[in-house]
PDB file of all heavy atoms in Angstrom:
ATOM      1  N   ALA A   1     -62.455 139.845 156.488  1.00  0.00           N
ATOM      2  CA  ALA A   1     -62.123 138.591 155.827  1.00  0.00           C
ATOM      3  C   ALA A   1     -63.281 137.604 155.925  1.00  0.00           C
ATOM      4  O   ALA A   1     -63.824 137.379 157.032  1.00  0.00           O
ATOM      5  CB  ALA A   1     -60.850 138.013 156.470  1.00  0.00           C
ATOM      6  N   LYS A   2     -63.640 136.990 154.826  1.00  0.00           N
ATOM      7  CA  LYS A   2     -64.705 135.999 154.824  1.00  0.00           C
ATOM      8  C   LYS A   2     -64.119 134.620 155.224  1.00  0.00           C
ATOM      9  O   LYS A   2     -62.925 134.402 155.156  1.00  0.00           O
ATOM     10  CB  LYS A   2     -65.351 135.919 153.456  1.00  0.00           C
ATOM     11  CG  LYS A   2     -66.066 137.208 153.043  1.00  0.00           C
ATOM     12  CD  LYS A   2     -66.695 137.056 151.660  1.00  0.00           C
ATOM     13  CE  LYS A   2     -67.392 138.371 151.257  1.00  0.00           C
ATOM     14  NZ  LYS A   2     -68.014 138.250 149.905  1.00  0.00           N
ATOM     15  N   GLN A   3     -64.990 133.729 155.643  1.00  0.00           N
ATOM     16  CA  GLN A   3     -64.584 132.432 156.040  1.00  0.00           C
ATOM     17  C   GLN A   3     -65.223 131.329 155.163  1.00  0.00           C
ATOM     18  O   GLN A   3     -66.068 131.636 154.331  1.00  0.00           O
ATOM     19  CB  GLN A   3     -64.962 132.189 157.529  1.00  0.00           C
ATOM     20  CG  GLN A   3     -64.319 133.176 158.498  1.00  0.00           C
ATOM     21  CD  GLN A   3     -62.805 133.159 158.424  1.00  0.00           C
ATOM     22  OE1 GLN A   3     -62.175 132.098 158.364  1.00  0.00           O
ATOM     23  NE2 GLN A   3     -62.202 134.348 158.419  1.00  0.00           N
ATOM     24  N   GLY A   4     -64.793 130.120 155.338  1.00  0.00           N
ATOM     25  CA  GLY A   4     -65.371 129.011 154.588  1.00  0.00           C
ATOM     26  C   GLY A   4     -64.960 129.032 153.154  1.00  0.00           C
ATOM     27  O   GLY A   4     -63.815 129.447 152.797  1.00  0.00           O
ATOM     28  N   ALA A   5     -65.842 128.626 152.260  1.00  0.00           N
ATOM     29  CA  ALA A   5     -65.539 128.507 150.822  1.00  0.00           C
ATOM     30  C   ALA A   5     -65.227 129.849 150.212  1.00  0.00           C
ATOM     31  O   ALA A   5     -64.489 129.926 149.198  1.00  0.00           O
ATOM     32  CB  ALA A   5     -66.707 127.896 150.100  1.00  0.00           C
ATOM     33  N   GLN A   6     -65.706 130.928 150.783  1.00  0.00           N
ATOM     34  CA  GLN A   6     -65.476 132.289 150.249  1.00  0.00           C
ATOM     35  C   GLN A   6     -64.217 132.925 150.840  1.00  0.00           C
ATOM     36  O   GLN A   6     -63.922 134.101 150.535  1.00  0.00           O
ATOM     37  CB  GLN A   6     -66.687 133.170 150.528  1.00  0.00           C
ATOM     38  CG  GLN A   6     -67.927 132.743 149.763  1.00  0.00           C
ATOM     39  CD  GLN A   6     -67.722 132.783 148.267  1.00  0.00           C
ATOM     40  OE1 GLN A   6     -67.312 133.805 147.711  1.00  0.00           O
ATOM     41  NE2 GLN A   6     -67.954 131.668 147.584  1.00  0.00           N
ATOM     42  N   ARG A   7     -63.487 132.210 151.639  1.00  0.00           N
ATOM     43  CA  ARG A   7     -62.263 132.778 152.254  1.00  0.00           C
ATOM     44  C   ARG A   7     -61.172 132.969 151.188  1.00  0.00           C
ATOM     45  O   ARG A   7     -60.869 132.051 150.428  1.00  0.00           O
ATOM     46  CB  ARG A   7     -61.739 131.856 153.378  1.00  0.00           C
ATOM     47  CG  ARG A   7     -60.531 132.422 154.096  1.00  0.00           C
ATOM     48  CD  ARG A   7     -60.207 131.609 155.338  1.00  0.00           C
ATOM     49  NE  ARG A   7     -59.597 130.326 154.994  1.00  0.00           N
ATOM     50  CZ  ARG A   7     -58.261 130.109 154.997  1.00  0.00           C
ATOM     51  NH1 ARG A   7     -57.425 131.090 155.290  1.00  0.00           N
ATOM     52  NH2 ARG A   7     -57.792 128.920 154.702  1.00  0.00           N
ATOM     53  N   GLN A   8     -60.618 134.183 151.146  1.00  0.00           N
ATOM     54  CA  GLN A   8     -59.501 134.416 150.238  1.00  0.00           C
ATOM     55  C   GLN A   8     -58.247 133.743 150.761  1.00  0.00           C
ATOM     56  O   GLN A   8     -57.856 133.921 151.908  1.00  0.00           O
ATOM     57  CB  GLN A   8     -59.245 135.928 150.081  1.00  0.00           C
ATOM     58  CG  GLN A   8     -58.040 136.237 149.180  1.00  0.00           C
ATOM     59  CD  GLN A   8     -57.781 137.742 149.103  1.00  0.00           C
ATOM     60  OE1 GLN A   8     -58.662 138.544 149.311  1.00  0.00           O
ATOM     61  NE2 GLN A   8     -56.545 138.094 148.778  1.00  0.00           N
ATOM     62  N   VAL A   9     -57.623 132.920 149.907  1.00  0.00           N
ATOM     63  CA  VAL A   9     -56.447 132.158 150.338  1.00  0.00           C
ATOM     64  C   VAL A   9     -55.227 132.556 149.529  1.00  0.00           C
ATOM     65  O   VAL A   9     -54.182 131.901 149.653  1.00  0.00           O
ATOM     66  CB  VAL A   9     -56.728 130.659 150.249  1.00  0.00           C
ATOM     67  CG1 VAL A   9     -57.680 130.208 151.344  1.00  0.00           C
ATOM     68  CG2 VAL A   9     -57.276 130.266 148.889  1.00  0.00           C
ATOM     69  N   GLY A  10     -55.333 133.578 148.731  1.00  0.00           N
ATOM     70  CA  GLY A  10     -54.192 134.059 147.946  1.00  0.00           C
ATOM     71  C   GLY A  10     -54.666 134.969 146.844  1.00  0.00           C
ATOM     72  O   GLY A  10     -55.862 135.252 146.723  1.00  0.00           O
ATOM     73  N   HIS A  11     -53.728 135.470 146.075  1.00  0.00           N
ATOM     74  CA  HIS A  11     -54.120 136.378 144.967  1.00  0.00           C
ATOM     75  C   HIS A  11     -53.089 136.311 143.863  1.00  0.00           C
ATOM     76  O   HIS A  11     -51.948 135.888 144.051  1.00  0.00           O
ATOM     77  CB  HIS A  11     -54.296 137.814 145.483  1.00  0.00           C
ATOM     78  CG  HIS A  11     -53.006 138.527 145.664  1.00  0.00           C
ATOM     79  ND1 HIS A  11     -52.387 139.302 144.695  1.00  0.00           N
ATOM     80  CD2 HIS A  11     -52.184 138.570 146.752  1.00  0.00           C
ATOM     81  CE1 HIS A  11     -51.267 139.796 145.171  1.00  0.00           C
ATOM     82  NE2 HIS A  11     -51.102 139.387 146.395  1.00  0.00           N
ATOM     83  N   PHE A  12     -53.524 136.754 142.696  1.00  0.00           N
ATOM     84  CA  PHE A  12     -52.638 136.976 141.562  1.00  0.00           C
ATOM     85  C   PHE A  12     -52.965 138.383 141.009  1.00  0.00           C
ATOM     86  O   PHE A  12     -54.120 138.636 140.655  1.00  0.00           O
ATOM     87  CB  PHE A  12     -52.866 135.938 140.454  1.00  0.00           C
ATOM     88  CG  PHE A  12     -52.029 136.157 139.237  1.00  0.00           C
ATOM     89  CD1 PHE A  12     -50.740 135.676 139.168  1.00  0.00           C
ATOM     90  CD2 PHE A  12     -52.537 136.843 138.119  1.00  0.00           C
ATOM     91  CE1 PHE A  12     -49.950 135.865 138.020  1.00  0.00           C
ATOM     92  CE2 PHE A  12     -51.775 137.044 136.994  1.00  0.00           C
ATOM     93  CZ  PHE A  12     -50.447 136.555 136.947  1.00  0.00           C
ATOM     94  N   ALA A  13     -52.008 139.277 141.068  1.00  0.00           N
ATOM     95  CA  ALA A  13     -52.216 140.676 140.603  1.00  0.00           C
ATOM     96  C   ALA A  13     -53.382 141.348 141.318  1.00  0.00           C
ATOM     97  O   ALA A  13     -54.100 142.149 140.758  1.00  0.00           O
ATOM     98  CB  ALA A  13     -52.449 140.701 139.092  1.00  0.00           C
ATOM     99  N   GLY A  14     -53.546 140.994 142.603  1.00  0.00           N
ATOM    100  CA  GLY A  14     -54.615 141.577 143.374  1.00  0.00           C
ATOM    101  C   GLY A  14     -55.960 140.915 143.201  1.00  0.00           C
ATOM    102  O   GLY A  14     -56.934 141.258 143.862  1.00  0.00           O
ATOM    103  N   ILE A  15     -56.040 139.927 142.313  1.00  0.00           N
ATOM    104  CA  ILE A  15     -57.308 139.177 142.088  1.00  0.00           C
ATOM    105  C   ILE A  15     -57.306 137.991 143.051  1.00  0.00           C
ATOM    106  O   ILE A  15     -56.443 137.117 142.953  1.00  0.00           O
ATOM    107  CB  ILE A  15     -57.407 138.676 140.639  1.00  0.00           C
ATOM    108  CG1 ILE A  15     -57.207 139.839 139.638  1.00  0.00           C
ATOM    109  CG2 ILE A  15     -58.735 137.971 140.420  1.00  0.00           C
ATOM    110  CD1 ILE A  15     -57.049 139.370 138.219  1.00  0.00           C
ATOM    111  N   PRO A  16     -58.254 137.946 143.963  1.00  0.00           N
ATOM    112  CA  PRO A  16     -58.232 136.860 144.949  1.00  0.00           C
ATOM    113  C   PRO A  16     -58.691 135.508 144.340  1.00  0.00           C
ATOM    114  O   PRO A  16     -59.477 135.469 143.439  1.00  0.00           O
ATOM    115  CB  PRO A  16     -59.248 137.331 146.009  1.00  0.00           C
ATOM    116  CG  PRO A  16     -60.195 138.205 145.262  1.00  0.00           C
ATOM    117  CD  PRO A  16     -59.376 138.878 144.180  1.00  0.00           C
ATOM    118  N   PHE A  17     -58.087 134.440 144.870  1.00  0.00           N
ATOM    119  CA  PHE A  17     -58.680 133.132 144.613  1.00  0.00           C
ATOM    120  C   PHE A  17     -59.190 132.587 145.927  1.00  0.00           C
ATOM    121  O   PHE A  17     -58.622 132.838 147.001  1.00  0.00           O
ATOM    122  CB  PHE A  17     -57.721 132.167 143.917  1.00  0.00           C
ATOM    123  CG  PHE A  17     -56.396 131.908 144.580  1.00  0.00           C
ATOM    124  CD1 PHE A  17     -56.252 130.866 145.508  1.00  0.00           C
ATOM    125  CD2 PHE A  17     -55.266 132.671 144.255  1.00  0.00           C
ATOM    126  CE1 PHE A  17     -55.019 130.621 146.101  1.00  0.00           C
ATOM    127  CE2 PHE A  17     -54.038 132.412 144.848  1.00  0.00           C
ATOM    128  CZ  PHE A  17     -53.911 131.395 145.759  1.00  0.00           C
ATOM    129  N   LEU A  18     -60.309 131.870 145.870  1.00  0.00           N
ATOM    130  CA  LEU A  18     -61.071 131.505 147.050  1.00  0.00           C
ATOM    131  C   LEU A  18     -60.877 130.033 147.390  1.00  0.00           C
ATOM    132  O   LEU A  18     -60.685 129.186 146.506  1.00  0.00           O
ATOM    133  CB  LEU A  18     -62.566 131.793 146.811  1.00  0.00           C
ATOM    134  CG  LEU A  18     -62.909 133.217 146.385  1.00  0.00           C
ATOM    135  CD1 LEU A  18     -64.394 133.359 146.169  1.00  0.00           C
ATOM    136  CD2 LEU A  18     -62.415 134.235 147.390  1.00  0.00           C
ATOM    137  N   GLU A  19     -60.963 129.753 148.668  1.00  0.00           N
ATOM    138  CA  GLU A  19     -60.735 128.385 149.179  1.00  0.00           C
ATOM    139  C   GLU A  19     -61.668 127.377 148.517  1.00  0.00           C
ATOM    140  O   GLU A  19     -61.248 126.279 148.135  1.00  0.00           O
ATOM    141  CB  GLU A  19     -60.938 128.357 150.679  1.00  0.00           C
ATOM    142  CG  GLU A  19     -60.634 127.015 151.310  1.00  0.00           C
ATOM    143  CD  GLU A  19     -60.624 127.077 152.821  1.00  0.00           C
ATOM    144  OE1 GLU A  19     -61.045 128.103 153.384  1.00  0.00           O
ATOM    145  OE2 GLU A  19     -60.194 126.104 153.446  1.00  0.00           O
ATOM    146  N   GLY A  20     -62.914 127.765 148.298  1.00  0.00           N
ATOM    147  CA  GLY A  20     -63.867 126.849 147.721  1.00  0.00           C
ATOM    148  C   GLY A  20     -63.640 126.503 146.275  1.00  0.00           C
ATOM    149  O   GLY A  20     -64.188 125.530 145.748  1.00  0.00           O
ATOM    150  N   ASN A  21     -62.840 127.322 145.588  1.00  0.00           N
ATOM    151  CA  ASN A  21     -62.579 127.073 144.162  1.00  0.00           C
ATOM    152  C   ASN A  21     -61.327 126.250 143.931  1.00  0.00           C
ATOM    153  O   ASN A  21     -61.061 125.845 142.799  1.00  0.00           O
ATOM    154  CB  ASN A  21     -62.405 128.416 143.432  1.00  0.00           C
ATOM    155  CG  ASN A  21     -63.735 129.073 143.140  1.00  0.00           C
ATOM    156  OD1 ASN A  21     -64.785 128.431 143.152  1.00  0.00           O
ATOM    157  ND2 ASN A  21     -63.708 130.366 142.876  1.00  0.00           N
ATOM    158  N   VAL A  22     -60.537 125.992 144.969  1.00  0.00           N
ATOM    159  CA  VAL A  22     -59.286 125.249 144.818  1.00  0.00           C
ATOM    160  C   VAL A  22     -59.589 123.751 144.958  1.00  0.00           C
ATOM    161  O   VAL A  22     -60.024 123.308 146.015  1.00  0.00           O
ATOM    162  CB  VAL A  22     -58.236 125.710 145.838  1.00  0.00           C
ATOM    163  CG1 VAL A  22     -56.948 124.908 145.645  1.00  0.00           C
ATOM    164  CG2 VAL A  22     -57.944 127.198 145.682  1.00  0.00           C
ATOM    165  N   ASP A  23     -59.315 123.026 143.901  1.00  0.00           N
ATOM    166  CA  ASP A  23     -59.612 121.571 143.871  1.00  0.00           C
ATOM    167  C   ASP A  23     -58.314 120.819 144.228  1.00  0.00           C
ATOM    168  O   ASP A  23     -57.531 120.455 143.358  1.00  0.00           O
ATOM    169  CB  ASP A  23     -60.103 121.167 142.486  1.00  0.00           C
ATOM    170  CG  ASP A  23     -60.433 119.686 142.392  1.00  0.00           C
ATOM    171  OD1 ASP A  23     -60.438 119.001 143.439  1.00  0.00           O
ATOM    172  OD2 ASP A  23     -60.664 119.226 141.262  1.00  0.00           O
ATOM    173  N   THR A  24     -58.108 120.555 145.499  1.00  0.00           N
ATOM    174  CA  THR A  24     -56.894 119.909 145.948  1.00  0.00           C
ATOM    175  C   THR A  24     -56.810 118.438 145.505  1.00  0.00           C
ATOM    176  O   THR A  24     -55.736 117.843 145.570  1.00  0.00           O
ATOM    177  CB  THR A  24     -56.761 119.971 147.484  1.00  0.00           C
ATOM    178  OG1 THR A  24     -57.914 119.353 148.072  1.00  0.00           O
ATOM    179  CG2 THR A  24     -56.687 121.418 147.976  1.00  0.00           C
ATOM    180  N   SER A  25     -57.905 117.869 145.073  1.00  0.00           N
ATOM    181  CA  SER A  25     -57.872 116.489 144.559  1.00  0.00           C
ATOM    182  C   SER A  25     -57.028 116.347 143.305  1.00  0.00           C
ATOM    183  O   SER A  25     -56.602 115.258 142.945  1.00  0.00           O
ATOM    184  CB  SER A  25     -59.309 115.970 144.296  1.00  0.00           C
ATOM    185  OG  SER A  25     -59.884 116.650 143.201  1.00  0.00           O
ATOM    186  N   GLN A  26     -56.746 117.478 142.649  1.00  0.00           N
ATOM    187  CA  GLN A  26     -55.901 117.423 141.431  1.00  0.00           C
ATOM    188  C   GLN A  26     -54.439 117.194 141.805  1.00  0.00           C
ATOM    189  O   GLN A  26     -53.647 116.805 140.949  1.00  0.00           O
ATOM    190  CB  GLN A  26     -56.036 118.725 140.656  1.00  0.00           C
ATOM    191  CG  GLN A  26     -57.410 118.955 140.045  1.00  0.00           C
ATOM    192  CD  GLN A  26     -57.458 120.129 139.123  1.00  0.00           C
ATOM    193  OE1 GLN A  26     -56.441 120.577 138.558  1.00  0.00           O
ATOM    194  NE2 GLN A  26     -58.649 120.725 138.960  1.00  0.00           N
ATOM    195  N   TRP A  27     -54.073 117.415 143.030  1.00  0.00           N
ATOM    196  CA  TRP A  27     -52.686 117.181 143.502  1.00  0.00           C
ATOM    197  C   TRP A  27     -52.632 115.794 144.110  1.00  0.00           C
ATOM    198  O   TRP A  27     -52.692 115.614 145.327  1.00  0.00           O
ATOM    199  CB  TRP A  27     -52.277 118.264 144.504  1.00  0.00           C
ATOM    200  CG  TRP A  27     -52.456 119.651 143.974  1.00  0.00           C
ATOM    201  CD1 TRP A  27     -52.327 120.037 142.653  1.00  0.00           C
ATOM    202  CD2 TRP A  27     -52.851 120.841 144.675  1.00  0.00           C
ATOM    203  NE1 TRP A  27     -52.586 121.401 142.533  1.00  0.00           N
ATOM    204  CE2 TRP A  27     -52.917 121.908 143.754  1.00  0.00           C
ATOM    205  CE3 TRP A  27     -53.133 121.086 145.992  1.00  0.00           C
ATOM    206  CZ2 TRP A  27     -53.218 123.211 144.104  1.00  0.00           C
ATOM    207  CZ3 TRP A  27     -53.459 122.375 146.393  1.00  0.00           C
ATOM    208  CH2 TRP A  27     -53.504 123.427 145.461  1.00  0.00           C
ATOM    209  N   LYS A  28     -52.531 114.781 143.289  1.00  0.00           N
ATOM    210  CA  LYS A  28     -52.733 113.404 143.699  1.00  0.00           C
ATOM    211  C   LYS A  28     -51.667 112.866 144.647  1.00  0.00           C
ATOM    212  O   LYS A  28     -51.879 111.840 145.265  1.00  0.00           O
ATOM    213  CB  LYS A  28     -52.850 112.506 142.461  1.00  0.00           C
ATOM    214  CG  LYS A  28     -51.620 112.491 141.564  1.00  0.00           C
ATOM    215  CD  LYS A  28     -51.868 111.589 140.343  1.00  0.00           C
ATOM    216  CE  LYS A  28     -50.649 111.575 139.429  1.00  0.00           C
ATOM    217  NZ  LYS A  28     -50.869 110.669 138.271  1.00  0.00           N
ATOM    218  N   TYR A  29     -50.523 113.533 144.717  1.00  0.00           N
ATOM    219  CA  TYR A  29     -49.472 113.033 145.569  1.00  0.00           C
ATOM    220  C   TYR A  29     -49.456 113.693 146.969  1.00  0.00           C
ATOM    221  O   TYR A  29     -48.580 113.427 147.777  1.00  0.00           O
ATOM    222  CB  TYR A  29     -48.085 113.187 144.929  1.00  0.00           C
ATOM    223  CG  TYR A  29     -47.909 112.342 143.702  1.00  0.00           C
ATOM    224  CD1 TYR A  29     -47.603 112.895 142.462  1.00  0.00           C
ATOM    225  CD2 TYR A  29     -48.070 110.962 143.781  1.00  0.00           C
ATOM    226  CE1 TYR A  29     -47.448 112.092 141.339  1.00  0.00           C
ATOM    227  CE2 TYR A  29     -47.914 110.141 142.668  1.00  0.00           C
ATOM    228  CZ  TYR A  29     -47.600 110.723 141.434  1.00  0.00           C
ATOM    229  OH  TYR A  29     -47.449 109.939 140.339  1.00  0.00           O
ATOM    230  N   ARG A  30     -50.449 114.568 147.228  1.00  0.00           N
ATOM    231  CA  ARG A  30     -50.570 115.137 148.559  1.00  0.00           C
ATOM    232  C   ARG A  30     -51.474 114.263 149.381  1.00  0.00           C
ATOM    233  O   ARG A  30     -52.641 113.998 149.028  1.00  0.00           O
ATOM    234  CB  ARG A  30     -51.093 116.572 148.475  1.00  0.00           C
ATOM    235  CG  ARG A  30     -50.098 117.501 147.808  1.00  0.00           C
ATOM    236  CD  ARG A  30     -50.400 118.962 148.107  1.00  0.00           C
ATOM    237  NE  ARG A  30     -50.229 119.280 149.538  1.00  0.00           N
ATOM    238  CZ  ARG A  30     -49.081 119.527 150.109  1.00  0.00           C
ATOM    239  NH1 ARG A  30     -47.956 119.504 149.377  1.00  0.00           N
ATOM    240  NH2 ARG A  30     -49.022 119.823 151.408  1.00  0.00           N
ATOM    241  N   LEU A  31     -50.947 113.757 150.515  1.00  0.00           N
ATOM    242  CA  LEU A  31     -51.641 112.787 151.317  1.00  0.00           C
ATOM    243  C   LEU A  31     -52.326 113.455 152.528  1.00  0.00           C
ATOM    244  O   LEU A  31     -52.006 114.610 152.871  1.00  0.00           O
ATOM    245  CB  LEU A  31     -50.636 111.756 151.807  1.00  0.00           C
ATOM    246  CG  LEU A  31     -49.883 110.985 150.699  1.00  0.00           C
ATOM    247  CD1 LEU A  31     -48.799 110.110 151.304  1.00  0.00           C
ATOM    248  CD2 LEU A  31     -50.871 110.137 149.889  1.00  0.00           C
TER     249      LEU A  31
END
């Protein structure tokens, strides 16, 4: 398992999405 921005944090159909690609600023109500 990789760490940092390249860490896999989930998948869709076995395709991983990476921590560094998730833009949490789009979820404006999360404090």
